């Protein structure tokens, strides 16, 4: 499974990429500015999108990403669990992932979305 991480925090990207690679997944990452082009060129199976970034909120970015990658699985990430729950109601989000996340949290989330699980 190929996973794209979209986040404006380089630190958060490094942490997520490290854990995902340790779990055996192929990863790519970018900030919100390169997200559309990266999604087009890499065609990831799973896209982790941070909720709050400098120029755009993740839920809005997911709407744009769905236009170029309609079959992608989108997971919204944030440390603000209350806000994530509100955004979960969006039909564009398969799951939410509260950060910081452990390697086990990532493993369980990927297992659930791989099986077509949705919290809706």
N, C-alpha and C. Protein backbone atom coordinates (compact mmCIF):
# COMPACT_ATOMS: atom_id res chain seq x y z
N UNK A 1 0.84 -1.18 0.00
CA UNK A 1 0.00 0.00 0.00
C UNK A 1 0.88 1.25 0.00
N UNK A 2 0.56 2.16 -0.89
CA UNK A 2 1.30 3.42 -0.99
C UNK A 2 0.52 4.50 -0.22
N UNK A 3 1.23 5.20 0.67
CA UNK A 3 0.60 6.21 1.53
C UNK A 3 1.22 7.57 1.29
N UNK A 4 0.38 8.58 1.09
CA UNK A 4 0.82 9.96 0.94
C UNK A 4 0.45 10.72 2.20
N UNK A 5 1.43 11.41 2.78
CA UNK A 5 1.22 12.24 3.97
C UNK A 5 1.26 13.69 3.53
N UNK A 6 0.18 14.42 3.81
CA UNK A 6 0.12 15.85 3.48
C UNK A 6 0.04 16.62 4.79
N UNK A 7 1.09 17.39 5.05
CA UNK A 7 1.19 18.11 6.32
C UNK A 7 2.15 19.27 6.13
N UNK A 8 1.90 20.38 6.79
CA UNK A 8 2.81 21.52 6.68
C UNK A 8 3.90 21.48 7.75
N UNK A 9 3.86 20.49 8.63
CA UNK A 9 4.88 20.34 9.66
C UNK A 9 5.86 19.24 9.26
N UNK A 10 7.08 19.63 8.97
CA UNK A 10 8.11 18.66 8.57
C UNK A 10 8.33 17.62 9.67
N UNK A 11 8.30 18.08 10.93
CA UNK A 11 8.49 17.18 12.06
C UNK A 11 7.42 16.09 12.08
N UNK A 12 6.15 16.48 11.92
CA UNK A 12 5.06 15.50 11.92
C UNK A 12 5.19 14.53 10.75
N UNK A 13 5.62 15.04 9.60
CA UNK A 13 5.83 14.17 8.45
C UNK A 13 6.90 13.12 8.76
N UNK A 14 8.02 13.54 9.32
CA UNK A 14 9.12 12.62 9.63
C UNK A 14 8.65 11.55 10.62
N UNK A 15 7.92 11.95 11.64
CA UNK A 15 7.44 10.99 12.64
C UNK A 15 6.51 9.96 11.99
N UNK A 16 5.53 10.43 11.22
CA UNK A 16 4.59 9.51 10.57
C UNK A 16 5.29 8.61 9.55
N UNK A 17 6.17 9.20 8.73
CA UNK A 17 6.89 8.40 7.72
C UNK A 17 7.74 7.32 8.37
N UNK A 18 8.42 7.66 9.44
CA UNK A 18 9.27 6.68 10.12
C UNK A 18 8.45 5.49 10.60
N UNK A 19 7.34 5.77 11.27
CA UNK A 19 6.51 4.67 11.78
C UNK A 19 5.90 3.85 10.64
N UNK A 20 5.42 4.52 9.60
CA UNK A 20 4.81 3.80 8.48
C UNK A 20 5.82 2.92 7.75
N UNK A 21 7.03 3.43 7.58
CA UNK A 21 8.08 2.63 6.94
C UNK A 21 8.45 1.43 7.80
N UNK A 22 8.49 1.62 9.12
CA UNK A 22 8.77 0.51 10.03
C UNK A 22 7.68 -0.56 9.94
N UNK A 23 6.47 -0.14 9.59
CA UNK A 23 5.35 -1.08 9.42
C UNK A 23 5.34 -1.71 8.03
N UNK A 24 6.29 -1.28 7.17
CA UNK A 24 6.43 -1.89 5.86
C UNK A 24 5.70 -1.20 4.72
N UNK A 25 5.27 0.04 4.94
CA UNK A 25 4.53 0.76 3.90
C UNK A 25 5.44 1.69 3.12
N UNK A 26 5.10 1.89 1.86
CA UNK A 26 5.79 2.85 1.01
C UNK A 26 5.14 4.21 1.25
N UNK A 27 5.95 5.25 1.48
CA UNK A 27 5.38 6.57 1.77
C UNK A 27 5.98 7.64 0.87
N UNK A 28 5.16 8.66 0.65
CA UNK A 28 5.59 9.91 0.06
C UNK A 28 5.00 10.99 0.94
N UNK A 29 5.55 12.20 0.86
CA UNK A 29 5.02 13.28 1.68
C UNK A 29 5.20 14.61 0.97
N UNK A 30 4.35 15.55 1.35
CA UNK A 30 4.44 16.90 0.81
C UNK A 30 3.64 17.84 1.70
N UNK A 31 3.78 19.14 1.42
CA UNK A 31 2.95 20.12 2.10
C UNK A 31 1.70 20.36 1.26
N UNK A 32 0.86 21.26 1.73
CA UNK A 32 -0.41 21.51 1.03
C UNK A 32 -0.22 22.10 -0.36
N UNK A 33 0.90 22.77 -0.59
CA UNK A 33 1.14 23.41 -1.89
C UNK A 33 1.37 22.40 -3.00
N UNK A 34 1.98 21.27 -2.67
CA UNK A 34 2.32 20.25 -3.67
C UNK A 34 1.34 19.08 -3.67
N UNK A 35 0.31 19.13 -2.87
CA UNK A 35 -0.58 17.99 -2.66
C UNK A 35 -1.25 17.48 -3.93
N UNK A 36 -1.82 18.37 -4.71
CA UNK A 36 -2.56 17.95 -5.91
C UNK A 36 -1.62 17.27 -6.91
N UNK A 37 -0.48 17.90 -7.17
CA UNK A 37 0.48 17.32 -8.12
C UNK A 37 1.03 15.99 -7.63
N UNK A 38 1.31 15.91 -6.34
CA UNK A 38 1.84 14.66 -5.78
C UNK A 38 0.79 13.56 -5.86
N UNK A 39 -0.44 13.87 -5.58
CA UNK A 39 -1.51 12.87 -5.68
C UNK A 39 -1.67 12.38 -7.11
N UNK A 40 -1.58 13.30 -8.07
CA UNK A 40 -1.68 12.92 -9.49
C UNK A 40 -0.52 12.02 -9.90
N UNK A 41 0.68 12.41 -9.53
CA UNK A 41 1.86 11.67 -10.00
C UNK A 41 2.09 10.35 -9.28
N UNK A 42 1.75 10.28 -8.00
CA UNK A 42 2.04 9.08 -7.22
C UNK A 42 0.85 8.13 -7.08
N UNK A 43 -0.37 8.63 -7.27
CA UNK A 43 -1.60 7.82 -7.15
C UNK A 43 -1.58 6.92 -5.91
N UNK A 44 -1.47 7.52 -4.72
CA UNK A 44 -1.43 6.71 -3.50
C UNK A 44 -2.76 6.02 -3.21
N UNK A 45 -2.69 4.95 -2.44
CA UNK A 45 -3.89 4.24 -2.02
C UNK A 45 -4.56 4.93 -0.84
N UNK A 46 -3.73 5.49 0.04
CA UNK A 46 -4.20 6.11 1.27
C UNK A 46 -3.55 7.47 1.40
N UNK A 47 -4.34 8.48 1.77
CA UNK A 47 -3.82 9.84 1.91
C UNK A 47 -4.14 10.33 3.31
N UNK A 48 -3.10 10.65 4.08
CA UNK A 48 -3.27 11.22 5.42
C UNK A 48 -3.13 12.73 5.28
N UNK A 49 -4.18 13.46 5.64
CA UNK A 49 -4.20 14.91 5.45
C UNK A 49 -4.38 15.60 6.80
N UNK A 50 -3.45 16.47 7.14
CA UNK A 50 -3.55 17.23 8.38
C UNK A 50 -4.72 18.21 8.28
N UNK A 51 -5.46 18.37 9.37
CA UNK A 51 -6.62 19.25 9.36
C UNK A 51 -6.24 20.71 9.22
N UNK A 52 -5.30 21.17 10.03
CA UNK A 52 -4.94 22.59 10.02
C UNK A 52 -3.56 22.80 9.40
N UNK A 53 -3.52 23.51 8.28
CA UNK A 53 -2.26 23.87 7.63
C UNK A 53 -2.28 25.37 7.35
N UNK A 54 -1.16 25.90 6.92
CA UNK A 54 -1.01 27.35 6.74
C UNK A 54 -2.04 27.96 5.80
N UNK A 55 -2.22 27.36 4.64
CA UNK A 55 -3.03 27.98 3.60
C UNK A 55 -4.41 27.38 3.41
N UNK A 56 -4.63 26.17 3.90
CA UNK A 56 -5.91 25.51 3.64
C UNK A 56 -6.17 24.47 4.73
N UNK A 57 -7.42 24.27 5.05
CA UNK A 57 -7.77 23.21 5.99
C UNK A 57 -7.84 21.88 5.24
N UNK A 58 -7.47 20.82 5.92
CA UNK A 58 -7.41 19.51 5.30
C UNK A 58 -8.71 19.03 4.71
N UNK A 59 -9.83 19.34 5.35
CA UNK A 59 -11.11 18.88 4.81
C UNK A 59 -11.42 19.53 3.47
N UNK A 60 -11.03 20.78 3.30
CA UNK A 60 -11.21 21.49 2.02
C UNK A 60 -10.25 20.91 0.98
N UNK A 61 -9.01 20.67 1.39
CA UNK A 61 -8.02 20.09 0.48
C UNK A 61 -8.48 18.71 -0.01
N UNK A 62 -9.09 17.93 0.87
CA UNK A 62 -9.58 16.61 0.47
C UNK A 62 -10.62 16.74 -0.63
N UNK A 63 -11.48 17.74 -0.56
CA UNK A 63 -12.46 17.96 -1.63
C UNK A 63 -11.76 18.16 -2.97
N UNK A 64 -10.68 18.94 -2.97
CA UNK A 64 -9.91 19.17 -4.20
C UNK A 64 -9.19 17.91 -4.66
N UNK A 65 -8.63 17.17 -3.71
CA UNK A 65 -7.92 15.93 -4.04
C UNK A 65 -8.87 14.89 -4.63
N UNK A 66 -10.09 14.84 -4.14
CA UNK A 66 -11.08 13.88 -4.64
C UNK A 66 -11.36 14.08 -6.13
N UNK A 67 -11.17 15.30 -6.62
CA UNK A 67 -11.39 15.58 -8.04
C UNK A 67 -10.34 14.90 -8.91
N UNK A 68 -9.12 14.77 -8.40
CA UNK A 68 -8.05 14.14 -9.18
C UNK A 68 -7.81 12.67 -8.79
N UNK A 69 -8.23 12.30 -7.60
CA UNK A 69 -8.05 10.94 -7.10
C UNK A 69 -9.33 10.49 -6.38
N UNK A 70 -10.40 10.29 -7.16
CA UNK A 70 -11.71 10.01 -6.54
C UNK A 70 -11.79 8.71 -5.75
N UNK A 71 -10.95 7.74 -6.08
CA UNK A 71 -11.02 6.45 -5.38
C UNK A 71 -10.04 6.35 -4.22
N UNK A 72 -9.31 7.43 -3.95
CA UNK A 72 -8.37 7.41 -2.84
C UNK A 72 -9.09 7.29 -1.51
N UNK A 73 -8.39 6.76 -0.52
CA UNK A 73 -8.92 6.67 0.84
C UNK A 73 -8.30 7.83 1.62
N UNK A 74 -9.15 8.68 2.19
CA UNK A 74 -8.68 9.89 2.86
C UNK A 74 -8.90 9.80 4.36
N UNK A 75 -7.83 10.08 5.12
CA UNK A 75 -7.88 10.10 6.57
C UNK A 75 -7.43 11.48 7.03
N UNK A 76 -8.25 12.11 7.85
CA UNK A 76 -7.96 13.44 8.37
C UNK A 76 -7.24 13.30 9.71
N UNK A 77 -6.13 14.02 9.89
CA UNK A 77 -5.34 13.93 11.12
C UNK A 77 -5.30 15.27 11.83
N UNK A 78 -5.30 15.23 13.16
CA UNK A 78 -5.18 16.45 13.96
C UNK A 78 -5.06 16.07 15.43
N UNK A 79 -4.53 16.98 16.22
CA UNK A 79 -4.49 16.78 17.67
C UNK A 79 -5.81 17.23 18.30
N UNK A 80 -6.66 17.93 17.54
CA UNK A 80 -7.93 18.44 18.03
C UNK A 80 -9.03 17.41 17.76
N UNK A 81 -9.23 16.50 18.71
CA UNK A 81 -10.17 15.39 18.49
C UNK A 81 -11.61 15.88 18.31
N UNK A 82 -12.00 16.90 19.05
CA UNK A 82 -13.38 17.41 18.93
C UNK A 82 -13.63 17.92 17.51
N UNK A 83 -12.71 18.68 16.99
CA UNK A 83 -12.85 19.21 15.63
C UNK A 83 -12.82 18.09 14.60
N UNK A 84 -11.99 17.08 14.84
CA UNK A 84 -11.94 15.94 13.93
C UNK A 84 -13.29 15.23 13.86
N UNK A 85 -13.93 15.07 15.00
CA UNK A 85 -15.24 14.39 15.03
C UNK A 85 -16.27 15.16 14.20
N UNK A 86 -16.23 16.48 14.27
CA UNK A 86 -17.14 17.31 13.47
C UNK A 86 -16.86 17.09 11.99
N UNK A 87 -15.59 17.11 11.61
CA UNK A 87 -15.20 16.96 10.21
C UNK A 87 -15.46 15.54 9.70
N UNK A 88 -15.53 14.58 10.59
CA UNK A 88 -15.77 13.19 10.21
C UNK A 88 -17.10 13.03 9.49
N UNK A 89 -18.02 13.92 9.77
CA UNK A 89 -19.34 13.84 9.14
C UNK A 89 -19.26 14.07 7.63
N UNK A 90 -18.13 14.62 7.18
CA UNK A 90 -17.92 14.84 5.75
C UNK A 90 -17.90 13.51 5.02
N UNK A 91 -18.55 13.45 3.88
CA UNK A 91 -18.57 12.21 3.11
C UNK A 91 -17.23 11.93 2.44
N UNK A 92 -16.30 12.87 2.53
CA UNK A 92 -15.00 12.71 1.88
C UNK A 92 -13.96 12.00 2.75
N UNK A 93 -14.26 11.81 4.03
CA UNK A 93 -13.27 11.29 4.97
C UNK A 93 -13.65 9.87 5.40
N UNK A 94 -12.73 8.92 5.19
CA UNK A 94 -12.98 7.53 5.58
C UNK A 94 -12.84 7.35 7.08
N UNK A 95 -11.85 8.03 7.66
CA UNK A 95 -11.58 7.92 9.09
C UNK A 95 -10.89 9.19 9.56
N UNK A 96 -10.78 9.27 10.89
CA UNK A 96 -9.99 10.33 11.50
C UNK A 96 -8.88 9.66 12.30
N UNK A 97 -7.78 10.37 12.46
CA UNK A 97 -6.66 9.86 13.24
C UNK A 97 -6.17 10.98 14.14
N UNK A 98 -6.35 10.78 15.45
CA UNK A 98 -5.88 11.78 16.41
C UNK A 98 -4.37 11.65 16.53
N UNK A 99 -3.70 12.79 16.45
CA UNK A 99 -2.25 12.81 16.61
C UNK A 99 -1.89 13.49 17.93
N UNK A 100 -0.78 13.15 18.54
CA UNK A 100 0.19 12.19 18.02
C UNK A 100 -0.37 10.77 18.07
N UNK A 101 -0.01 10.00 17.08
CA UNK A 101 -0.47 8.61 16.96
C UNK A 101 0.71 7.67 17.18
N UNK A 102 0.42 6.54 17.78
CA UNK A 102 1.46 5.52 17.96
C UNK A 102 1.53 4.65 16.71
N UNK A 103 2.56 3.84 16.65
CA UNK A 103 2.70 2.91 15.53
C UNK A 103 1.51 1.94 15.51
N UNK A 104 1.05 1.54 16.68
CA UNK A 104 -0.10 0.65 16.76
C UNK A 104 -1.37 1.35 16.28
N UNK A 105 -1.54 2.64 16.62
CA UNK A 105 -2.69 3.41 16.13
C UNK A 105 -2.70 3.42 14.60
N UNK A 106 -1.54 3.66 14.00
CA UNK A 106 -1.44 3.68 12.54
C UNK A 106 -1.77 2.31 11.95
N UNK A 107 -1.22 1.28 12.55
CA UNK A 107 -1.45 -0.09 12.07
C UNK A 107 -2.95 -0.42 12.10
N UNK A 108 -3.62 -0.08 13.19
CA UNK A 108 -5.05 -0.36 13.33
C UNK A 108 -5.88 0.45 12.34
N UNK A 109 -5.53 1.72 12.17
CA UNK A 109 -6.25 2.58 11.23
C UNK A 109 -6.13 2.04 9.81
N UNK A 110 -4.93 1.65 9.42
CA UNK A 110 -4.71 1.12 8.07
C UNK A 110 -5.46 -0.20 7.89
N UNK A 111 -5.45 -1.03 8.90
CA UNK A 111 -6.19 -2.29 8.84
C UNK A 111 -7.68 -2.02 8.61
N UNK A 112 -8.22 -1.06 9.34
CA UNK A 112 -9.65 -0.75 9.22
C UNK A 112 -10.00 -0.16 7.86
N UNK A 113 -9.21 0.81 7.39
CA UNK A 113 -9.55 1.41 6.09
C UNK A 113 -9.31 0.42 4.95
N UNK A 114 -8.37 -0.48 5.13
CA UNK A 114 -8.11 -1.50 4.10
C UNK A 114 -9.28 -2.46 3.96
N UNK A 115 -10.00 -2.65 5.03
CA UNK A 115 -11.16 -3.55 5.01
C UNK A 115 -12.45 -2.79 4.68
N UNK A 116 -12.31 -1.53 4.30
CA UNK A 116 -13.49 -0.75 3.94
C UNK A 116 -14.23 -0.19 5.14
N UNK A 117 -13.55 -0.16 6.29
CA UNK A 117 -14.16 0.35 7.51
C UNK A 117 -14.35 1.85 7.43
N UNK A 118 -15.48 2.32 7.94
CA UNK A 118 -15.75 3.75 8.04
C UNK A 118 -16.50 3.99 9.33
N UNK A 119 -16.16 5.08 10.02
CA UNK A 119 -16.84 5.40 11.28
C UNK A 119 -18.16 6.12 11.05
N UNK A 120 -18.56 6.32 9.82
CA UNK A 120 -19.80 7.05 9.56
C UNK A 120 -21.00 6.21 9.91
